[in-house]
Structures are given as structure tokens and as C-alpha cells.
Amino acid sequence: MKKDKEKDKEKDKVKKRPEYELIDFTDEVKRLNRVMGQIEGVSKMLNEQRKLQDVLIQCKAVHSALKSVESRILKAHLEVALDEISKLEKKKNREQKVAELEELFKQAS
């Protein structure tokens, strides 16, 4: 019974990927919380029938903030991936990892 409770506690813990242990995403989480507030503000502006020009300006601000977060996360991922690539011994494995990164960059564009 005691072991089951310990297992449940382990399952409840958020598992960090080892490659991201040294990366602090505190700023990104703060930015995303700010973006959520901006989105709520846009919704409120629409409900209040505010000027559409003002709504569009806020939408642009949301888009810009999300792009910033995306860019920061992509940079962190790239750093981890490059570190992994440098540790791979087989050329085939390195080429596969590079291809994965290329596909990620295509999707991010």
C-alpha cells in the first residue's frame, strides 16, 4: 500500500527532460501569462465594441509577443540539439538530427 502511494507521487511529479534541466523558462512563462492577459483584453474590447483599429493593434501586439516566446524557445532547443549532435559519433545519426532541425525550422517559418 505504501509503495503504491509513493508510485502515485512519482507519477504526479512533472518529469523534466534531462536536456532541459539547465534551461530556465521563467521569463517565457511570464511572457505567456502576459499574452493570455492581452488575449482576454482583446476579447473584452470586441465585447465592448471598441474601435477595430485598436483591436487590431492589440492583436498585433499578441502576435509579436508570441513570436518572441517562440524564438526564445527555438533558440533553447537549437542549443540543446547542437549539443546532442556534437556528442553523436555516427555521421548518419548526426545527419538525421540535422534533418530534424531543418524540418523544425521550416515549420517555425
PDB file of N, CA and C in Angstrom:
ATOM      1  N   MET A   1       0.824  -1.192   0.000  1.00  0.00           N
ATOM      2  CA  MET A   1       0.000   0.000   0.000  1.00  0.00           C
ATOM      3  C   MET A   1       0.871   1.260   0.000  1.00  0.00           C
ATOM      4  N   LYS A   2       1.889   1.245   0.836  1.00  0.00           N
ATOM      5  CA  LYS A   2       2.775   2.396   0.926  1.00  0.00           C
ATOM      6  C   LYS A   2       3.526   2.611  -0.383  1.00  0.00           C
ATOM      7  N   LYS A   3       3.921   1.512  -1.018  1.00  0.00           N
ATOM      8  CA  LYS A   3       4.629   1.610  -2.284  1.00  0.00           C
ATOM      9  C   LYS A   3       3.738   2.207  -3.361  1.00  0.00           C
ATOM     10  N   ASP A   4       2.442   1.872  -3.340  1.00  0.00           N
ATOM     11  CA  ASP A   4       1.503   2.428  -4.324  1.00  0.00           C
ATOM     12  C   ASP A   4       1.397   3.938  -4.184  1.00  0.00           C
ATOM     13  N   LYS A   5       1.368   4.430  -2.957  1.00  0.00           N
ATOM     14  CA  LYS A   5       1.293   5.873  -2.724  1.00  0.00           C
ATOM     15  C   LYS A   5       2.555   6.571  -3.229  1.00  0.00           C
ATOM     16  N   GLU A   6       3.695   5.937  -2.998  1.00  0.00           N
ATOM     17  CA  GLU A   6       4.951   6.506  -3.479  1.00  0.00           C
ATOM     18  C   GLU A   6       4.972   6.544  -5.003  1.00  0.00           C
ATOM     19  N   LYS A   7       4.457   5.499  -5.646  1.00  0.00           N
ATOM     20  CA  LYS A   7       4.394   5.468  -7.107  1.00  0.00           C
ATOM     21  C   LYS A   7       3.482   6.567  -7.629  1.00  0.00           C
ATOM     22  N   ASP A   8       2.339   6.772  -6.955  1.00  0.00           N
ATOM     23  CA  ASP A   8       1.409   7.824  -7.365  1.00  0.00           C
ATOM     24  C   ASP A   8       2.056   9.201  -7.250  1.00  0.00           C
ATOM     25  N   LYS A   9       2.827   9.407  -6.192  1.00  0.00           N
ATOM     26  CA  LYS A   9       3.518  10.687  -6.021  1.00  0.00           C
ATOM     27  C   LYS A   9       4.516  10.907  -7.147  1.00  0.00           C
ATOM     28  N   GLU A  10       5.212   9.847  -7.528  1.00  0.00           N
ATOM     29  CA  GLU A  10       6.185   9.945  -8.612  1.00  0.00           C
ATOM     30  C   GLU A  10       5.494  10.281  -9.930  1.00  0.00           C
ATOM     31  N   LYS A  11       4.336   9.693 -10.168  1.00  0.00           N
ATOM     32  CA  LYS A  11       3.598   9.966 -11.404  1.00  0.00           C
ATOM     33  C   LYS A  11       3.116  11.405 -11.452  1.00  0.00           C
ATOM     34  N   ASP A  12       2.752  11.948 -10.286  1.00  0.00           N
ATOM     35  CA  ASP A  12       2.231  13.308 -10.210  1.00  0.00           C
ATOM     36  C   ASP A  12       3.310  14.357 -10.465  1.00  0.00           C
ATOM     37  N   LYS A  13       4.546  14.004 -10.212  1.00  0.00           N
ATOM     38  CA  LYS A  13       5.629  14.957 -10.425  1.00  0.00           C
ATOM     39  C   LYS A  13       5.794  15.219 -11.914  1.00  0.00           C
ATOM     40  N   VAL A  14       6.081  16.470 -12.235  1.00  0.00           N
ATOM     41  CA  VAL A  14       6.350  16.821 -13.623  1.00  0.00           C
ATOM     42  C   VAL A  14       7.742  16.306 -13.959  1.00  0.00           C
ATOM     43  N   LYS A  15       7.803  15.531 -15.025  1.00  0.00           N
ATOM     44  CA  LYS A  15       9.092  14.978 -15.414  1.00  0.00           C
ATOM     45  C   LYS A  15       9.779  15.933 -16.375  1.00  0.00           C
ATOM     46  N   LYS A  16      10.974  16.344 -16.007  1.00  0.00           N
ATOM     47  CA  LYS A  16      11.767  17.226 -16.859  1.00  0.00           C
ATOM     48  C   LYS A  16      12.603  16.377 -17.788  1.00  0.00           C
ATOM     49  N   ARG A  17      12.692  16.821 -19.013  1.00  0.00           N
ATOM     50  CA  ARG A  17      13.592  16.147 -19.941  1.00  0.00           C
ATOM     51  C   ARG A  17      14.999  16.518 -19.526  1.00  0.00           C
ATOM     52  N   PRO A  18      15.894  15.554 -19.460  1.00  0.00           N
ATOM     53  CA  PRO A  18      17.249  15.826 -18.966  1.00  0.00           C
ATOM     54  C   PRO A  18      17.957  16.950 -19.714  1.00  0.00           C
ATOM     55  N   GLU A  19      17.714  17.058 -21.014  1.00  0.00           N
ATOM     56  CA  GLU A  19      18.426  18.078 -21.786  1.00  0.00           C
ATOM     57  C   GLU A  19      17.968  19.494 -21.456  1.00  0.00           C
ATOM     58  N   TYR A  20      16.815  19.640 -20.809  1.00  0.00           N
ATOM     59  CA  TYR A  20      16.307  20.971 -20.487  1.00  0.00           C
ATOM     60  C   TYR A  20      16.507  21.343 -19.010  1.00  0.00           C
ATOM     61  N   GLU A  21      17.191  20.493 -18.264  1.00  0.00           N
ATOM     62  CA  GLU A  21      17.358  20.745 -16.833  1.00  0.00           C
ATOM     63  C   GLU A  21      18.055  22.067 -16.533  1.00  0.00           C
ATOM     64  N   LEU A  22      18.966  22.475 -17.380  1.00  0.00           N
ATOM     65  CA  LEU A  22      19.740  23.675 -17.112  1.00  0.00           C
ATOM     66  C   LEU A  22      19.114  24.937 -17.706  1.00  0.00           C
ATOM     67  N   ILE A  23      17.991  24.794 -18.398  1.00  0.00           N
ATOM     68  CA  ILE A  23      17.355  25.941 -19.042  1.00  0.00           C
ATOM     69  C   ILE A  23      16.242  26.471 -18.143  1.00  0.00           C
ATOM     70  N   ASP A  24      16.274  27.752 -17.912  1.00  0.00           N
ATOM     71  CA  ASP A  24      15.258  28.405 -17.084  1.00  0.00           C
ATOM     72  C   ASP A  24      14.230  29.074 -18.001  1.00  0.00           C
ATOM     73  N   PHE A  25      13.003  28.576 -17.973  1.00  0.00           N
ATOM     74  CA  PHE A  25      11.942  29.119 -18.810  1.00  0.00           C
ATOM     75  C   PHE A  25      11.036  30.089 -18.049  1.00  0.00           C
ATOM     76  N   THR A  26      11.502  30.612 -16.930  1.00  0.00           N
ATOM     77  CA  THR A  26      10.697  31.518 -16.114  1.00  0.00           C
ATOM     78  C   THR A  26      10.236  32.733 -16.917  1.00  0.00           C
ATOM     79  N   ASP A  27      11.129  33.331 -17.680  1.00  0.00           N
ATOM     80  CA  ASP A  27      10.764  34.504 -18.480  1.00  0.00           C
ATOM     81  C   ASP A  27       9.709  34.164 -19.525  1.00  0.00           C
ATOM     82  N   GLU A  28       9.841  32.994 -20.150  1.00  0.00           N
ATOM     83  CA  GLU A  28       8.883  32.598 -21.166  1.00  0.00           C
ATOM     84  C   GLU A  28       7.496  32.389 -20.556  1.00  0.00           C
ATOM     85  N   VAL A  29       7.457  31.790 -19.380  1.00  0.00           N
ATOM     86  CA  VAL A  29       6.166  31.579 -18.703  1.00  0.00           C
ATOM     87  C   VAL A  29       5.535  32.921 -18.347  1.00  0.00           C
ATOM     88  N   LYS A  30       6.341  33.865 -17.865  1.00  0.00           N
ATOM     89  CA  LYS A  30       5.825  35.202 -17.554  1.00  0.00           C
ATOM     90  C   LYS A  30       5.276  35.874 -18.806  1.00  0.00           C
ATOM     91  N   ARG A  31       6.014  35.749 -19.903  1.00  0.00           N
ATOM     92  CA  ARG A  31       5.566  36.354 -21.167  1.00  0.00           C
ATOM     93  C   ARG A  31       4.262  35.717 -21.634  1.00  0.00           C
ATOM     94  N   LEU A  32       4.154  34.400 -21.509  1.00  0.00           N
ATOM     95  CA  LEU A  32       2.924  33.725 -21.924  1.00  0.00           C
ATOM     96  C   LEU A  32       1.744  34.140 -21.053  1.00  0.00           C
ATOM     97  N   ASN A  33       1.973  34.321 -19.772  1.00  0.00           N
ATOM     98  CA  ASN A  33       0.903  34.806 -18.891  1.00  0.00           C
ATOM     99  C   ASN A  33       0.448  36.200 -19.314  1.00  0.00           C
ATOM    100  N   ARG A  34       1.403  37.025 -19.708  1.00  0.00           N
ATOM    101  CA  ARG A  34       1.087  38.364 -20.198  1.00  0.00           C
ATOM    102  C   ARG A  34       0.271  38.282 -21.495  1.00  0.00           C
ATOM    103  N   VAL A  35       0.657  37.362 -22.377  1.00  0.00           N
ATOM    104  CA  VAL A  35      -0.068  37.168 -23.638  1.00  0.00           C
ATOM    105  C   VAL A  35      -1.511  36.742 -23.360  1.00  0.00           C
ATOM    106  N   MET A  36      -1.687  35.846 -22.403  1.00  0.00           N
ATOM    107  CA  MET A  36      -3.051  35.416 -22.065  1.00  0.00           C
ATOM    108  C   MET A  36      -3.886  36.610 -21.596  1.00  0.00           C
ATOM    109  N   GLY A  37      -3.278  37.485 -20.828  1.00  0.00           N
ATOM    110  CA  GLY A  37      -3.980  38.699 -20.397  1.00  0.00           C
ATOM    111  C   GLY A  37      -4.317  39.591 -21.581  1.00  0.00           C
ATOM    112  N   GLN A  38      -3.395  39.698 -22.533  1.00  0.00           N
ATOM    113  CA  GLN A  38      -3.654  40.504 -23.721  1.00  0.00           C
ATOM    114  C   GLN A  38      -4.811  39.916 -24.532  1.00  0.00           C
ATOM    115  N   ILE A  39      -4.853  38.598 -24.650  1.00  0.00           N
ATOM    116  CA  ILE A  39      -5.937  37.957 -25.401  1.00  0.00           C
ATOM    117  C   ILE A  39      -7.276  38.204 -24.722  1.00  0.00           C
ATOM    118  N   GLU A  40      -7.297  38.110 -23.409  1.00  0.00           N
ATOM    119  CA  GLU A  40      -8.535  38.423 -22.679  1.00  0.00           C
ATOM    120  C   GLU A  40      -8.935  39.876 -22.918  1.00  0.00           C
ATOM    121  N   GLY A  41      -7.940  40.756 -22.989  1.00  0.00           N
ATOM    122  CA  GLY A  41      -8.212  42.165 -23.267  1.00  0.00           C
ATOM    123  C   GLY A  41      -8.799  42.366 -24.650  1.00  0.00           C
ATOM    124  N   VAL A  42      -8.298  41.640 -25.632  1.00  0.00           N
ATOM    125  CA  VAL A  42      -8.837  41.732 -26.990  1.00  0.00           C
ATOM    126  C   VAL A  42     -10.289  41.272 -27.012  1.00  0.00           C
ATOM    127  N   SER A  43     -10.552  40.171 -26.328  1.00  0.00           N
ATOM    128  CA  SER A  43     -11.930  39.665 -26.252  1.00  0.00           C
ATOM    129  C   SER A  43     -12.853  40.699 -25.611  1.00  0.00           C
ATOM    130  N   LYS A  44     -12.391  41.309 -24.548  1.00  0.00           N
ATOM    131  CA  LYS A  44     -13.181  42.335 -23.866  1.00  0.00           C
ATOM    132  C   LYS A  44     -13.418  43.530 -24.785  1.00  0.00           C
ATOM    133  N   MET A  45     -12.384  43.917 -25.533  1.00  0.00           N
ATOM    134  CA  MET A  45     -12.526  45.044 -26.467  1.00  0.00           C
ATOM    135  C   MET A  45     -13.594  44.744 -27.519  1.00  0.00           C
ATOM    136  N   LEU A  46     -13.612  43.514 -28.012  1.00  0.00           N
ATOM    137  CA  LEU A  46     -14.623  43.141 -29.003  1.00  0.00           C
ATOM    138  C   LEU A  46     -16.023  43.154 -28.392  1.00  0.00           C
ATOM    139  N   ASN A  47     -16.139  42.639 -27.175  1.00  0.00           N
ATOM    140  CA  ASN A  47     -17.441  42.641 -26.494  1.00  0.00           C
ATOM    141  C   ASN A  47     -17.941  44.061 -26.245  1.00  0.00           C
ATOM    142  N   GLU A  48     -17.027  44.970 -25.996  1.00  0.00           N
ATOM    143  CA  GLU A  48     -17.386  46.365 -25.743  1.00  0.00           C
ATOM    144  C   GLU A  48     -17.525  47.167 -27.039  1.00  0.00           C
ATOM    145  N   GLN A  49     -17.312  46.496 -28.164  1.00  0.00           N
ATOM    146  CA  GLN A  49     -17.396  47.110 -29.492  1.00  0.00           C
ATOM    147  C   GLN A  49     -16.475  48.325 -29.616  1.00  0.00           C
ATOM    148  N   ARG A  50     -15.241  48.114 -29.173  1.00  0.00           N
ATOM    149  CA  ARG A  50     -14.236  49.166 -29.298  1.00  0.00           C
ATOM    150  C   ARG A  50     -13.835  49.323 -30.750  1.00  0.00           C
ATOM    151  N   LYS A  51     -13.131  50.384 -31.059  1.00  0.00           N
ATOM    152  CA  LYS A  51     -12.686  50.634 -32.427  1.00  0.00           C
ATOM    153  C   LYS A  51     -11.857  49.458 -32.921  1.00  0.00           C
ATOM    154  N   LEU A  52     -12.174  49.008 -34.139  1.00  0.00           N
ATOM    155  CA  LEU A  52     -11.472  47.852 -34.685  1.00  0.00           C
ATOM    156  C   LEU A  52      -9.985  48.119 -34.890  1.00  0.00           C
ATOM    157  N   GLN A  53      -9.641  49.356 -35.158  1.00  0.00           N
ATOM    158  CA  GLN A  53      -8.223  49.704 -35.300  1.00  0.00           C
ATOM    159  C   GLN A  53      -7.484  49.406 -33.996  1.00  0.00           C
ATOM    160  N   ASP A  54      -8.094  49.746 -32.866  1.00  0.00           N
ATOM    161  CA  ASP A  54      -7.473  49.478 -31.566  1.00  0.00           C
ATOM    162  C   ASP A  54      -7.370  47.971 -31.304  1.00  0.00           C
ATOM    163  N   VAL A  55      -8.406  47.236 -31.706  1.00  0.00           N
ATOM    164  CA  VAL A  55      -8.396  45.781 -31.529  1.00  0.00           C
ATOM    165  C   VAL A  55      -7.269  45.170 -32.361  1.00  0.00           C
ATOM    166  N   LEU A  56      -7.136  45.628 -33.597  1.00  0.00           N
ATOM    167  CA  LEU A  56      -6.083  45.102 -34.466  1.00  0.00           C
ATOM    168  C   LEU A  56      -4.688  45.405 -33.924  1.00  0.00           C
ATOM    169  N   ILE A  57      -4.523  46.569 -33.342  1.00  0.00           N
ATOM    170  CA  ILE A  57      -3.231  46.919 -32.739  1.00  0.00           C
ATOM    171  C   ILE A  57      -2.905  45.945 -31.611  1.00  0.00           C
ATOM    172  N   GLN A  58      -3.898  45.629 -30.804  1.00  0.00           N
ATOM    173  CA  GLN A  58      -3.675  44.676 -29.714  1.00  0.00           C
ATOM    174  C   GLN A  58      -3.401  43.267 -30.242  1.00  0.00           C
ATOM    175  N   CYS A  59      -4.086  42.894 -31.329  1.00  0.00           N
ATOM    176  CA  CYS A  59      -3.827  41.589 -31.946  1.00  0.00           C
ATOM    177  C   CYS A  59      -2.390  41.506 -32.442  1.00  0.00           C
ATOM    178  N   LYS A  60      -1.904  42.587 -33.034  1.00  0.00           N
ATOM    179  CA  LYS A  60      -0.524  42.628 -33.491  1.00  0.00           C
ATOM    180  C   LYS A  60       0.443  42.476 -32.310  1.00  0.00           C
ATOM    181  N   ALA A  61       0.112  43.112 -31.195  1.00  0.00           N
ATOM    182  CA  ALA A  61       0.957  43.014 -30.001  1.00  0.00           C
ATOM    183  C   ALA A  61       1.000  41.568 -29.488  1.00  0.00           C
ATOM    184  N   VAL A  62      -0.139  40.885 -29.510  1.00  0.00           N
ATOM    185  CA  VAL A  62      -0.202  39.485 -29.082  1.00  0.00           C
ATOM    186  C   VAL A  62       0.669  38.632 -30.007  1.00  0.00           C
ATOM    187  N   HIS A  63       0.503  38.841 -31.296  1.00  0.00           N
ATOM    188  CA  HIS A  63       1.271  38.082 -32.280  1.00  0.00           C
ATOM    189  C   HIS A  63       2.774  38.298 -32.072  1.00  0.00           C
ATOM    190  N   SER A  64       3.171  39.525 -31.875  1.00  0.00           N
ATOM    191  CA  SER A  64       4.584  39.853 -31.675  1.00  0.00           C
ATOM    192  C   SER A  64       5.122  39.187 -30.406  1.00  0.00           C
ATOM    193  N   ALA A  65       4.347  39.223 -29.348  1.00  0.00           N
ATOM    194  CA  ALA A  65       4.780  38.615 -28.081  1.00  0.00           C
ATOM    195  C   ALA A  65       4.931  37.103 -28.232  1.00  0.00           C
ATOM    196  N   LEU A  66       4.005  36.470 -28.936  1.00  0.00           N
ATOM    197  CA  LEU A  66       4.102  35.029 -29.155  1.00  0.00           C
ATOM    198  C   LEU A  66       5.307  34.672 -30.017  1.00  0.00           C
ATOM    199  N   LYS A  67       5.578  35.477 -31.032  1.00  0.00           N
ATOM    200  CA  LYS A  67       6.749  35.238 -31.873  1.00  0.00           C
ATOM    201  C   LYS A  67       8.026  35.335 -31.036  1.00  0.00           C
ATOM    202  N   SER A  68       8.052  36.271 -30.104  1.00  0.00           N
ATOM    203  CA  SER A  68       9.212  36.433 -29.241  1.00  0.00           C
ATOM    204  C   SER A  68       9.428  35.191 -28.376  1.00  0.00           C
ATOM    205  N   VAL A  69       8.359  34.684 -27.793  1.00  0.00           N
ATOM    206  CA  VAL A  69       8.452  33.474 -26.971  1.00  0.00           C
ATOM    207  C   VAL A  69       8.892  32.295 -27.840  1.00  0.00           C
ATOM    208  N   GLU A  70       8.277  32.172 -29.011  1.00  0.00           N
ATOM    209  CA  GLU A  70       8.635  31.095 -29.925  1.00  0.00           C
ATOM    210  C   GLU A  70      10.122  31.147 -30.276  1.00  0.00           C
ATOM    211  N   SER A  71      10.616  32.320 -30.552  1.00  0.00           N
ATOM    212  CA  SER A  71      12.013  32.495 -30.919  1.00  0.00           C
ATOM    213  C   SER A  71      12.940  32.086 -29.778  1.00  0.00           C
ATOM    214  N   ARG A  72      12.597  32.476 -28.561  1.00  0.00           N
ATOM    215  CA  ARG A  72      13.427  32.145 -27.403  1.00  0.00           C
ATOM    216  C   ARG A  72      13.448  30.632 -27.148  1.00  0.00           C
ATOM    217  N   ILE A  73      12.292  29.985 -27.308  1.00  0.00           N
ATOM    218  CA  ILE A  73      12.212  28.538 -27.098  1.00  0.00           C
ATOM    219  C   ILE A  73      12.960  27.809 -28.207  1.00  0.00           C
ATOM    220  N   LEU A  74      12.813  28.292 -29.425  1.00  0.00           N
ATOM    221  CA  LEU A  74      13.519  27.690 -30.552  1.00  0.00           C
ATOM    222  C   LEU A  74      15.028  27.788 -30.358  1.00  0.00           C
ATOM    223  N   LYS A  75      15.488  28.917 -29.866  1.00  0.00           N
ATOM    224  CA  LYS A  75      16.920  29.093 -29.602  1.00  0.00           C
ATOM    225  C   LYS A  75      17.403  28.087 -28.554  1.00  0.00           C
ATOM    226  N   ALA A  76      16.622  27.914 -27.494  1.00  0.00           N
ATOM    227  CA  ALA A  76      16.994  26.952 -26.448  1.00  0.00           C
ATOM    228  C   ALA A  76      17.036  25.537 -27.020  1.00  0.00           C
ATOM    229  N   HIS A  77      16.048  25.213 -27.841  1.00  0.00           N
ATOM    230  CA  HIS A  77      16.015  23.885 -28.442  1.00  0.00           C
ATOM    231  C   HIS A  77      17.224  23.682 -29.350  1.00  0.00           C
ATOM    232  N   LEU A  78      17.561  24.692 -30.098  1.00  0.00           N
ATOM    233  CA  LEU A  78      18.701  24.609 -31.006  1.00  0.00           C
ATOM    234  C   LEU A  78      19.991  24.369 -30.228  1.00  0.00           C
ATOM    235  N   GLU A  79      20.171  25.052 -29.127  1.00  0.00           N
ATOM    236  CA  GLU A  79      21.369  24.868 -28.311  1.00  0.00           C
ATOM    237  C   GLU A  79      21.473  23.432 -27.797  1.00  0.00           C
ATOM    238  N   VAL A  80      20.342  22.889 -27.346  1.00  0.00           N
ATOM    239  CA  VAL A  80      20.329  21.508 -26.849  1.00  0.00           C
ATOM    240  C   VAL A  80      20.618  20.539 -27.996  1.00  0.00           C
ATOM    241  N   ALA A  81      19.976  20.768 -29.141  1.00  0.00           N
ATOM    242  CA  ALA A  81      20.153  19.877 -30.285  1.00  0.00           C
ATOM    243  C   ALA A  81      21.599  19.897 -30.785  1.00  0.00           C
ATOM    244  N   LEU A  82      22.187  21.079 -30.833  1.00  0.00           N
ATOM    245  CA  LEU A  82      23.583  21.166 -31.280  1.00  0.00           C
ATOM    246  C   LEU A  82      24.512  20.440 -30.321  1.00  0.00           C
ATOM    247  N   ASP A  83      24.207  20.533 -29.043  1.00  0.00           N
ATOM    248  CA  ASP A  83      24.998  19.804 -28.059  1.00  0.00           C
ATOM    249  C   ASP A  83      24.861  18.298 -28.283  1.00  0.00           C
ATOM    250  N   GLU A  84      23.624  17.850 -28.564  1.00  0.00           N
ATOM    251  CA  GLU A  84      23.401  16.431 -28.831  1.00  0.00           C
ATOM    252  C   GLU A  84      24.137  15.991 -30.098  1.00  0.00           C
ATOM    253  N   ILE A  85      24.079  16.819 -31.134  1.00  0.00           N
ATOM    254  CA  ILE A  85      24.736  16.485 -32.400  1.00  0.00           C
ATOM    255  C   ILE A  85      26.238  16.321 -32.201  1.00  0.00           C
ATOM    256  N   SER A  86      26.816  17.212 -31.408  1.00  0.00           N
ATOM    257  CA  SER A  86      28.267  17.139 -31.197  1.00  0.00           C
ATOM    258  C   SER A  86      28.676  15.861 -30.464  1.00  0.00           C
ATOM    259  N   LYS A  87      27.750  15.264 -29.737  1.00  0.00           N
ATOM    260  CA  LYS A  87      28.060  14.041 -28.989  1.00  0.00           C
ATOM    261  C   LYS A  87      27.816  12.769 -29.800  1.00  0.00           C
ATOM    262  N   LEU A  88      27.110  12.906 -30.932  1.00  0.00           N
ATOM    263  CA  LEU A  88      26.833  11.727 -31.756  1.00  0.00           C
ATOM    264  C   LEU A  88      28.077  11.312 -32.524  1.00  0.00           C
ATOM    265  N   GLU A  89      28.367  10.036 -32.504  1.00  0.00           N
ATOM    266  CA  GLU A  89      29.576   9.542 -33.154  1.00  0.00           C
ATOM    267  C   GLU A  89      29.348   9.198 -34.628  1.00  0.00           C
ATOM    268  N   LYS A  90      28.191   8.662 -34.953  1.00  0.00           N
ATOM    269  CA  LYS A  90      27.948   8.222 -36.323  1.00  0.00           C
ATOM    270  C   LYS A  90      27.444   9.378 -37.177  1.00  0.00           C
ATOM    271  N   LYS A  91      28.035   9.494 -38.352  1.00  0.00           N
ATOM    272  CA  LYS A  91      27.657  10.558 -39.278  1.00  0.00           C
ATOM    273  C   LYS A  91      26.177  10.460 -39.648  1.00  0.00           C
ATOM    274  N   LYS A  92      25.670   9.250 -39.799  1.00  0.00           N
ATOM    275  CA  LYS A  92      24.262   9.037 -40.159  1.00  0.00           C
ATOM    276  C   LYS A  92      23.336   9.612 -39.080  1.00  0.00           C
ATOM    277  N   ASN A  93      23.700   9.400 -37.820  1.00  0.00           N
ATOM    278  CA  ASN A  93      22.894   9.921 -36.712  1.00  0.00           C
ATOM    279  C   ASN A  93      22.927  11.450 -36.679  1.00  0.00           C
ATOM    280  N   ARG A  94      24.109  12.023 -36.948  1.00  0.00           N
ATOM    281  CA  ARG A  94      24.231  13.483 -36.984  1.00  0.00           C
ATOM    282  C   ARG A  94      23.383  14.056 -38.109  1.00  0.00           C
ATOM    283  N   GLU A  95      23.442  13.410 -39.280  1.00  0.00           N
ATOM    284  CA  GLU A  95      22.665  13.880 -40.425  1.00  0.00           C
ATOM    285  C   GLU A  95      21.171  13.804 -40.143  1.00  0.00           C
ATOM    286  N   GLN A  96      20.755  12.759 -39.451  1.00  0.00           N
ATOM    287  CA  GLN A  96      19.335  12.607 -39.101  1.00  0.00           C
ATOM    288  C   GLN A  96      18.901  13.735 -38.154  1.00  0.00           C
ATOM    289  N   LYS A  97      19.716  14.048 -37.181  1.00  0.00           N
ATOM    290  CA  LYS A  97      19.392  15.109 -36.222  1.00  0.00           C
ATOM    291  C   LYS A  97      19.339  16.470 -36.927  1.00  0.00           C
ATOM    292  N   VAL A  98      20.266  16.695 -37.843  1.00  0.00           N
ATOM    293  CA  VAL A  98      20.273  17.945 -38.607  1.00  0.00           C
ATOM    294  C   VAL A  98      19.007  18.043 -39.454  1.00  0.00           C
ATOM    295  N   ALA A  99      18.592  16.937 -40.037  1.00  0.00           N
ATOM    296  CA  ALA A  99      17.358  16.922 -40.841  1.00  0.00           C
ATOM    297  C   ALA A  99      16.140  17.253 -39.970  1.00  0.00           C
ATOM    298  N   GLU A 100      16.123  16.744 -38.746  1.00  0.00           N
ATOM    299  CA  GLU A 100      15.036  17.068 -37.813  1.00  0.00           C
ATOM    300  C   GLU A 100      15.004  18.566 -37.515  1.00  0.00           C
ATOM    301  N   LEU A 101      16.182  19.152 -37.318  1.00  0.00           N
ATOM    302  CA  LEU A 101      16.260  20.591 -37.061  1.00  0.00           C
ATOM    303  C   LEU A 101      15.794  21.394 -38.271  1.00  0.00           C
ATOM    304  N   GLU A 102      16.197  20.960 -39.465  1.00  0.00           N
ATOM    305  CA  GLU A 102      15.764  21.651 -40.677  1.00  0.00           C
ATOM    306  C   GLU A 102      14.249  21.636 -40.791  1.00  0.00           C
ATOM    307  N   GLU A 103      13.656  20.500 -40.483  1.00  0.00           N
ATOM    308  CA  GLU A 103      12.188  20.396 -40.557  1.00  0.00           C
ATOM    309  C   GLU A 103      11.529  21.304 -39.513  1.00  0.00           C
ATOM    310  N   LEU A 104      12.115  21.381 -38.343  1.00  0.00           N
ATOM    311  CA  LEU A 104      11.583  22.258 -37.298  1.00  0.00           C
ATOM    312  C   LEU A 104      11.629  23.720 -37.745  1.00  0.00           C
ATOM    313  N   PHE A 105      12.731  24.115 -38.375  1.00  0.00           N
ATOM    314  CA  PHE A 105      12.854  25.494 -38.853  1.00  0.00           C
ATOM    315  C   PHE A 105      11.846  25.782 -39.961  1.00  0.00           C
ATOM    316  N   LYS A 106      11.578  24.818 -40.808  1.00  0.00           N
ATOM    317  CA  LYS A 106      10.567  25.001 -41.850  1.00  0.00           C
ATOM    318  C   LYS A 106       9.194  25.236 -41.238  1.00  0.00           C
ATOM    319  N   GLN A 107       8.879  24.472 -40.205  1.00  0.00           N
ATOM    320  CA  GLN A 107       7.589  24.605 -39.538  1.00  0.00           C
ATOM    321  C   GLN A 107       7.474  25.929 -38.799  1.00  0.00           C
ATOM    322  N   ALA A 108       8.588  26.416 -38.269  1.00  0.00           N
ATOM    323  CA  ALA A 108       8.576  27.650 -37.469  1.00  0.00           C
ATOM    324  C   ALA A 108       8.441  28.892 -38.353  1.00  0.00           C
ATOM    325  N   SER A 109       8.742  28.764 -39.621  1.00  0.00           N
ATOM    326  CA  SER A 109       8.686  29.924 -40.529  1.00  0.00           C
ATOM    327  C   SER A 109       7.278  30.265 -40.927  1.00  0.00           C
TER     328      SER A 109
END
